[in-house]
Amino acid sequence: MSGELSVAEDERFATAKVADGVLLDSRLALYHETQRWLAVSDLHLGSDPRATARPEMLKLWGAPDIETRLTRLLEHYQPQKLIIMGDLMNFNGSVDEASGFLKRILGRVNTVCLAGNHDHPELVSRMGLV
């Protein structure tokens, strides 16, 4: 594992090579160095730790700064493709919030978004999630 300091973000993070050309970033992402894709999952937009019996189960992404954190990852790696591997939103969250977020991200990078078990069917339909 190697530690790096990102001057632009002024925060520390670590990366570990987990496969040939694939980095696991401690900021909750995988990055492929030669294919130039960045993968994240379980963003859970709209999650409220007070509304669940097990708040510790909320993914670390489930916080108000999701878009900022993802933007920093995109700026750091400058991937050709972003892969969101399900659970973009919390099922009882706002479809409008999740689709707005996704539209802003789509404007920045070619994005593939897979539907997860917490993604509302309306979001899947509206945004064409696979």
N, C-alpha and C. Protein backbone atom coordinates (compact mmCIF):
# COMPACT_ATOMS: atom_id res chain seq x y z
N MET A 1 0.85 -1.17 0.00
CA MET A 1 0.00 0.00 0.00
C MET A 1 0.89 1.23 0.00
N SER A 2 0.46 2.25 -0.71
CA SER A 2 1.25 3.48 -0.74
C SER A 2 0.38 4.66 -0.34
N GLY A 3 0.92 5.56 0.45
CA GLY A 3 0.19 6.76 0.83
C GLY A 3 0.55 7.90 -0.09
N GLU A 4 -0.38 8.74 -0.36
CA GLU A 4 -0.14 9.90 -1.21
C GLU A 4 -0.80 11.11 -0.59
N LEU A 5 -0.28 12.26 -0.88
CA LEU A 5 -0.91 13.50 -0.46
C LEU A 5 -1.40 14.21 -1.71
N SER A 6 -2.69 14.47 -1.74
CA SER A 6 -3.26 15.18 -2.87
C SER A 6 -3.30 16.66 -2.51
N VAL A 7 -2.48 17.44 -3.16
CA VAL A 7 -2.39 18.86 -2.84
C VAL A 7 -3.70 19.57 -3.08
N ALA A 8 -4.38 19.23 -4.17
CA ALA A 8 -5.64 19.90 -4.52
C ALA A 8 -6.70 19.64 -3.45
N GLU A 9 -6.71 18.47 -2.88
CA GLU A 9 -7.73 18.11 -1.90
C GLU A 9 -7.28 18.34 -0.46
N ASP A 10 -5.98 18.46 -0.27
CA ASP A 10 -5.42 18.64 1.06
C ASP A 10 -5.91 17.57 2.02
N GLU A 11 -5.94 16.34 1.56
CA GLU A 11 -6.30 15.22 2.42
C GLU A 11 -5.44 14.02 2.05
N ARG A 12 -5.25 13.15 2.98
CA ARG A 12 -4.45 11.96 2.73
C ARG A 12 -5.36 10.82 2.29
N PHE A 13 -4.82 10.01 1.42
CA PHE A 13 -5.51 8.81 1.01
C PHE A 13 -4.47 7.77 0.67
N ALA A 14 -4.89 6.53 0.64
CA ALA A 14 -3.97 5.44 0.32
C ALA A 14 -4.50 4.70 -0.89
N THR A 15 -3.59 4.10 -1.63
CA THR A 15 -3.98 3.23 -2.73
C THR A 15 -3.24 1.91 -2.57
N ALA A 16 -3.87 0.87 -3.05
CA ALA A 16 -3.25 -0.45 -3.04
C ALA A 16 -3.52 -1.09 -4.39
N LYS A 17 -2.50 -1.68 -4.98
CA LYS A 17 -2.68 -2.38 -6.24
C LYS A 17 -3.31 -3.73 -5.90
N VAL A 18 -4.53 -3.96 -6.39
CA VAL A 18 -5.25 -5.19 -6.05
C VAL A 18 -5.30 -6.18 -7.21
N ALA A 19 -4.94 -5.73 -8.38
CA ALA A 19 -4.84 -6.57 -9.57
C ALA A 19 -3.97 -5.82 -10.56
N ASP A 20 -3.62 -6.46 -11.65
CA ASP A 20 -2.77 -5.83 -12.63
C ASP A 20 -3.43 -4.54 -13.15
N GLY A 21 -2.85 -3.41 -12.81
CA GLY A 21 -3.36 -2.11 -13.27
C GLY A 21 -4.55 -1.58 -12.51
N VAL A 22 -5.00 -2.27 -11.46
CA VAL A 22 -6.19 -1.84 -10.71
C VAL A 22 -5.78 -1.36 -9.33
N LEU A 23 -6.16 -0.12 -9.03
CA LEU A 23 -5.88 0.48 -7.72
C LEU A 23 -7.15 0.54 -6.89
N LEU A 24 -7.03 0.16 -5.64
CA LEU A 24 -8.09 0.37 -4.66
C LEU A 24 -7.73 1.65 -3.93
N ASP A 25 -8.61 2.63 -4.00
CA ASP A 25 -8.37 3.94 -3.40
C ASP A 25 -9.15 4.00 -2.09
N SER A 26 -8.51 4.45 -1.04
CA SER A 26 -9.16 4.50 0.28
C SER A 26 -10.34 5.47 0.31
N ARG A 27 -10.49 6.26 -0.75
CA ARG A 27 -11.65 7.15 -0.84
C ARG A 27 -12.84 6.42 -1.45
N LEU A 28 -12.81 5.10 -1.39
CA LEU A 28 -13.92 4.23 -1.76
C LEU A 28 -14.14 4.11 -3.26
N ALA A 29 -13.07 3.83 -3.97
CA ALA A 29 -13.17 3.66 -5.41
C ALA A 29 -12.12 2.69 -5.91
N LEU A 30 -12.37 2.13 -7.08
CA LEU A 30 -11.39 1.34 -7.82
C LEU A 30 -11.05 2.11 -9.09
N TYR A 31 -9.78 2.08 -9.47
CA TYR A 31 -9.37 2.75 -10.70
C TYR A 31 -8.48 1.82 -11.50
N HIS A 32 -8.79 1.70 -12.80
CA HIS A 32 -7.96 0.91 -13.69
C HIS A 32 -7.05 1.86 -14.46
N GLU A 33 -5.75 1.68 -14.26
CA GLU A 33 -4.76 2.62 -14.80
C GLU A 33 -4.68 2.64 -16.32
N THR A 34 -4.81 1.49 -16.97
CA THR A 34 -4.67 1.49 -18.43
C THR A 34 -6.01 1.63 -19.15
N GLN A 35 -7.05 1.04 -18.60
CA GLN A 35 -8.38 1.17 -19.22
C GLN A 35 -9.07 2.47 -18.82
N ARG A 36 -8.56 3.12 -17.81
CA ARG A 36 -8.98 4.43 -17.34
C ARG A 36 -10.46 4.51 -16.95
N TRP A 37 -10.91 3.50 -16.18
CA TRP A 37 -12.24 3.59 -15.60
C TRP A 37 -12.12 3.72 -14.08
N LEU A 38 -13.10 4.42 -13.53
CA LEU A 38 -13.21 4.60 -12.09
C LEU A 38 -14.53 3.97 -11.69
N ALA A 39 -14.53 3.13 -10.66
CA ALA A 39 -15.74 2.45 -10.22
C ALA A 39 -16.04 2.77 -8.76
N VAL A 40 -17.30 3.05 -8.50
CA VAL A 40 -17.80 3.29 -7.15
C VAL A 40 -19.12 2.54 -7.00
N SER A 41 -19.54 2.34 -5.77
CA SER A 41 -20.83 1.70 -5.55
C SER A 41 -21.44 2.21 -4.26
N ASP A 42 -22.72 1.94 -4.12
CA ASP A 42 -23.44 2.20 -2.87
C ASP A 42 -23.33 3.64 -2.41
N LEU A 43 -23.61 4.58 -3.31
CA LEU A 43 -23.56 5.99 -2.92
C LEU A 43 -24.70 6.33 -1.96
N HIS A 44 -25.84 5.70 -2.13
CA HIS A 44 -26.99 5.85 -1.24
C HIS A 44 -27.38 7.32 -1.01
N LEU A 45 -27.57 8.06 -2.09
CA LEU A 45 -28.06 9.43 -1.96
C LEU A 45 -29.38 9.43 -1.19
N GLY A 46 -29.54 10.38 -0.32
CA GLY A 46 -30.78 10.50 0.44
C GLY A 46 -30.84 9.66 1.69
N SER A 47 -29.75 8.99 2.04
CA SER A 47 -29.75 8.16 3.25
C SER A 47 -29.74 9.03 4.49
N ASP A 48 -30.47 8.61 5.48
CA ASP A 48 -30.51 9.32 6.75
C ASP A 48 -30.20 8.31 7.85
N PRO A 49 -29.05 8.44 8.49
CA PRO A 49 -28.66 7.46 9.51
C PRO A 49 -29.69 7.33 10.63
N ARG A 50 -30.48 8.36 10.86
CA ARG A 50 -31.49 8.31 11.93
C ARG A 50 -32.69 7.48 11.51
N ALA A 51 -32.83 7.21 10.20
CA ALA A 51 -34.01 6.51 9.71
C ALA A 51 -33.78 5.01 9.52
N THR A 52 -32.68 4.50 9.99
CA THR A 52 -32.40 3.07 9.84
C THR A 52 -32.07 2.46 11.19
N ALA A 53 -32.42 1.21 11.34
CA ALA A 53 -32.16 0.51 12.60
C ALA A 53 -30.67 0.26 12.79
N ARG A 54 -29.91 0.23 11.70
CA ARG A 54 -28.48 -0.03 11.78
C ARG A 54 -27.71 1.05 11.04
N PRO A 55 -27.58 2.25 11.63
CA PRO A 55 -26.91 3.35 10.94
C PRO A 55 -25.47 3.05 10.54
N GLU A 56 -24.81 2.14 11.27
CA GLU A 56 -23.44 1.79 10.91
C GLU A 56 -23.38 1.06 9.57
N MET A 57 -24.51 0.55 9.11
CA MET A 57 -24.55 -0.15 7.84
C MET A 57 -24.63 0.81 6.65
N LEU A 58 -24.94 2.08 6.93
CA LEU A 58 -24.93 3.05 5.84
C LEU A 58 -23.52 3.13 5.29
N LYS A 59 -23.41 3.08 4.02
CA LYS A 59 -22.09 3.12 3.40
C LYS A 59 -21.43 4.45 3.71
N LEU A 60 -20.13 4.48 3.72
CA LEU A 60 -19.41 5.71 4.00
C LEU A 60 -19.75 6.80 2.99
N TRP A 61 -20.24 6.39 1.82
CA TRP A 61 -20.65 7.39 0.84
C TRP A 61 -21.91 8.12 1.31
N GLY A 62 -22.71 7.48 2.15
CA GLY A 62 -24.01 8.03 2.53
C GLY A 62 -23.90 9.27 3.39
N ALA A 63 -23.39 10.34 2.82
CA ALA A 63 -23.18 11.58 3.55
C ALA A 63 -23.48 12.76 2.63
N PRO A 64 -23.68 13.95 3.18
CA PRO A 64 -24.03 15.10 2.35
C PRO A 64 -22.96 15.49 1.33
N ASP A 65 -21.75 15.02 1.51
CA ASP A 65 -20.67 15.44 0.63
C ASP A 65 -20.40 14.47 -0.52
N ILE A 66 -21.35 13.63 -0.86
CA ILE A 66 -21.14 12.61 -1.88
C ILE A 66 -20.66 13.21 -3.20
N GLU A 67 -21.33 14.23 -3.67
CA GLU A 67 -20.96 14.82 -4.96
C GLU A 67 -19.57 15.44 -4.91
N THR A 68 -19.24 16.10 -3.83
CA THR A 68 -17.90 16.69 -3.67
C THR A 68 -16.83 15.60 -3.68
N ARG A 69 -17.07 14.54 -2.94
CA ARG A 69 -16.09 13.46 -2.86
C ARG A 69 -15.90 12.79 -4.22
N LEU A 70 -17.00 12.55 -4.94
CA LEU A 70 -16.89 11.93 -6.25
C LEU A 70 -16.21 12.86 -7.24
N THR A 71 -16.52 14.14 -7.17
CA THR A 71 -15.88 15.13 -8.04
C THR A 71 -14.37 15.14 -7.81
N ARG A 72 -13.94 15.06 -6.57
CA ARG A 72 -12.50 15.02 -6.28
C ARG A 72 -11.84 13.78 -6.87
N LEU A 73 -12.51 12.64 -6.79
CA LEU A 73 -11.97 11.43 -7.40
C LEU A 73 -11.87 11.59 -8.91
N LEU A 74 -12.90 12.17 -9.53
CA LEU A 74 -12.88 12.39 -10.98
C LEU A 74 -11.75 13.34 -11.38
N GLU A 75 -11.56 14.39 -10.60
CA GLU A 75 -10.49 15.34 -10.89
C GLU A 75 -9.12 14.69 -10.73
N HIS A 76 -8.99 13.85 -9.72
CA HIS A 76 -7.69 13.21 -9.46
C HIS A 76 -7.33 12.22 -10.56
N TYR A 77 -8.25 11.31 -10.89
CA TYR A 77 -7.94 10.24 -11.84
C TYR A 77 -8.23 10.62 -13.29
N GLN A 78 -9.14 11.53 -13.54
CA GLN A 78 -9.57 11.92 -14.88
C GLN A 78 -9.87 10.69 -15.73
N PRO A 79 -10.81 9.86 -15.27
CA PRO A 79 -11.11 8.63 -15.99
C PRO A 79 -11.86 8.91 -17.30
N GLN A 80 -11.77 7.95 -18.20
CA GLN A 80 -12.57 8.03 -19.42
C GLN A 80 -13.99 7.55 -19.17
N LYS A 81 -14.15 6.71 -18.15
CA LYS A 81 -15.47 6.16 -17.84
C LYS A 81 -15.64 6.04 -16.33
N LEU A 82 -16.82 6.39 -15.86
CA LEU A 82 -17.21 6.20 -14.46
C LEU A 82 -18.23 5.08 -14.44
N ILE A 83 -18.03 4.12 -13.55
CA ILE A 83 -18.98 3.02 -13.39
C ILE A 83 -19.55 3.12 -11.97
N ILE A 84 -20.87 3.32 -11.90
CA ILE A 84 -21.56 3.34 -10.60
C ILE A 84 -22.26 1.99 -10.50
N MET A 85 -21.82 1.17 -9.55
CA MET A 85 -22.27 -0.22 -9.48
C MET A 85 -23.42 -0.41 -8.49
N GLY A 86 -24.50 0.29 -8.72
CA GLY A 86 -25.72 0.05 -7.96
C GLY A 86 -25.86 0.87 -6.70
N ASP A 87 -27.10 1.00 -6.29
CA ASP A 87 -27.48 1.74 -5.08
C ASP A 87 -27.02 3.19 -5.13
N LEU A 88 -27.34 3.85 -6.25
CA LEU A 88 -27.08 5.28 -6.39
C LEU A 88 -27.87 6.04 -5.33
N MET A 89 -29.07 5.58 -5.06
CA MET A 89 -29.93 6.27 -4.09
C MET A 89 -30.38 5.30 -3.01
N ASN A 90 -30.92 5.85 -1.96
CA ASN A 90 -31.60 5.06 -0.97
C ASN A 90 -33.04 4.92 -1.45
N PHE A 91 -33.63 3.75 -1.34
CA PHE A 91 -34.95 3.50 -1.93
C PHE A 91 -35.98 4.55 -1.55
N ASN A 92 -35.95 5.01 -0.31
CA ASN A 92 -36.93 6.01 0.11
C ASN A 92 -36.42 7.44 -0.09
N GLY A 93 -35.30 7.60 -0.77
CA GLY A 93 -34.76 8.92 -1.07
C GLY A 93 -35.50 9.57 -2.23
N SER A 94 -35.01 10.69 -2.65
CA SER A 94 -35.63 11.47 -3.72
C SER A 94 -35.12 11.04 -5.09
N VAL A 95 -36.05 10.61 -5.95
CA VAL A 95 -35.70 10.26 -7.32
C VAL A 95 -35.19 11.50 -8.03
N ASP A 96 -35.79 12.66 -7.76
CA ASP A 96 -35.35 13.91 -8.39
C ASP A 96 -33.92 14.25 -7.98
N GLU A 97 -33.58 14.07 -6.70
CA GLU A 97 -32.22 14.33 -6.23
C GLU A 97 -31.23 13.40 -6.92
N ALA A 98 -31.56 12.12 -6.98
CA ALA A 98 -30.66 11.14 -7.58
C ALA A 98 -30.50 11.38 -9.08
N SER A 99 -31.59 11.68 -9.79
CA SER A 99 -31.47 11.91 -11.23
C SER A 99 -30.74 13.21 -11.52
N GLY A 100 -30.93 14.24 -10.69
CA GLY A 100 -30.19 15.50 -10.85
C GLY A 100 -28.70 15.28 -10.66
N PHE A 101 -28.35 14.53 -9.63
CA PHE A 101 -26.95 14.19 -9.37
C PHE A 101 -26.36 13.46 -10.57
N LEU A 102 -27.08 12.45 -11.06
CA LEU A 102 -26.57 11.66 -12.17
C LEU A 102 -26.42 12.52 -13.43
N LYS A 103 -27.35 13.42 -13.69
CA LYS A 103 -27.24 14.30 -14.86
C LYS A 103 -26.00 15.19 -14.76
N ARG A 104 -25.71 15.69 -13.56
CA ARG A 104 -24.51 16.52 -13.39
C ARG A 104 -23.25 15.70 -13.64
N ILE A 105 -23.23 14.47 -13.17
CA ILE A 105 -22.08 13.60 -13.37
C ILE A 105 -21.95 13.23 -14.84
N LEU A 106 -23.09 12.95 -15.50
CA LEU A 106 -23.07 12.60 -16.93
C LEU A 106 -22.46 13.72 -17.76
N GLY A 107 -22.60 14.95 -17.30
CA GLY A 107 -22.02 16.09 -18.00
C GLY A 107 -20.51 16.17 -17.85
N ARG A 108 -19.96 15.41 -16.94
CA ARG A 108 -18.51 15.45 -16.67
C ARG A 108 -17.75 14.29 -17.29
N VAL A 109 -18.37 13.10 -17.33
CA VAL A 109 -17.65 11.91 -17.75
C VAL A 109 -18.65 10.88 -18.29
N ASN A 110 -18.20 10.08 -19.25
CA ASN A 110 -19.00 8.98 -19.76
C ASN A 110 -19.30 8.05 -18.58
N THR A 111 -20.58 7.79 -18.32
CA THR A 111 -20.98 7.07 -17.12
C THR A 111 -21.85 5.88 -17.43
N VAL A 112 -21.57 4.78 -16.76
CA VAL A 112 -22.43 3.60 -16.79
C VAL A 112 -22.95 3.45 -15.37
N CYS A 113 -24.26 3.39 -15.24
CA CYS A 113 -24.86 3.28 -13.91
C CYS A 113 -25.73 2.03 -13.87
N LEU A 114 -25.35 1.11 -13.01
CA LEU A 114 -26.11 -0.13 -12.85
C LEU A 114 -27.15 0.06 -11.76
N ALA A 115 -28.31 -0.53 -11.95
CA ALA A 115 -29.37 -0.46 -10.94
C ALA A 115 -29.03 -1.39 -9.79
N GLY A 116 -29.31 -0.93 -8.59
CA GLY A 116 -29.11 -1.75 -7.40
C GLY A 116 -30.44 -1.98 -6.69
N ASN A 117 -30.41 -2.78 -5.66
CA ASN A 117 -31.65 -3.13 -4.96
C ASN A 117 -32.24 -1.96 -4.18
N HIS A 118 -31.51 -0.86 -3.98
CA HIS A 118 -32.06 0.30 -3.30
C HIS A 118 -32.47 1.40 -4.26
N ASP A 119 -32.23 1.21 -5.56
CA ASP A 119 -32.61 2.22 -6.54
C ASP A 119 -34.09 2.10 -6.87
N HIS A 120 -34.79 3.22 -6.78
CA HIS A 120 -36.23 3.25 -7.03
C HIS A 120 -36.50 2.93 -8.49
N PRO A 121 -37.54 2.12 -8.77
CA PRO A 121 -37.87 1.78 -10.16
C PRO A 121 -38.05 3.02 -11.06
N GLU A 122 -38.57 4.11 -10.49
CA GLU A 122 -38.73 5.33 -11.29
C GLU A 122 -37.37 5.88 -11.73
N LEU A 123 -36.37 5.82 -10.86
CA LEU A 123 -35.02 6.27 -11.23
C LEU A 123 -34.46 5.37 -12.33
N VAL A 124 -34.64 4.08 -12.19
CA VAL A 124 -34.15 3.11 -13.18
C VAL A 124 -34.76 3.42 -14.53
N SER A 125 -36.06 3.67 -14.55
CA SER A 125 -36.77 3.97 -15.80
C SER A 125 -36.37 5.34 -16.36
N ARG A 126 -36.39 6.35 -15.51
CA ARG A 126 -36.12 7.73 -15.94
C ARG A 126 -34.72 7.88 -16.50
N MET A 127 -33.74 7.27 -15.87
CA MET A 127 -32.35 7.47 -16.25
C MET A 127 -31.79 6.32 -17.09
N GLY A 128 -32.61 5.31 -17.36
CA GLY A 128 -32.16 4.20 -18.20
C GLY A 128 -31.06 3.37 -17.56
N LEU A 129 -31.14 3.17 -16.26
CA LEU A 129 -30.11 2.35 -15.59
C LEU A 129 -30.22 0.91 -16.07
N VAL A 130 -29.09 0.26 -16.16
CA VAL A 130 -29.09 -1.15 -16.59
C VAL A 130 -29.01 -2.07 -15.41
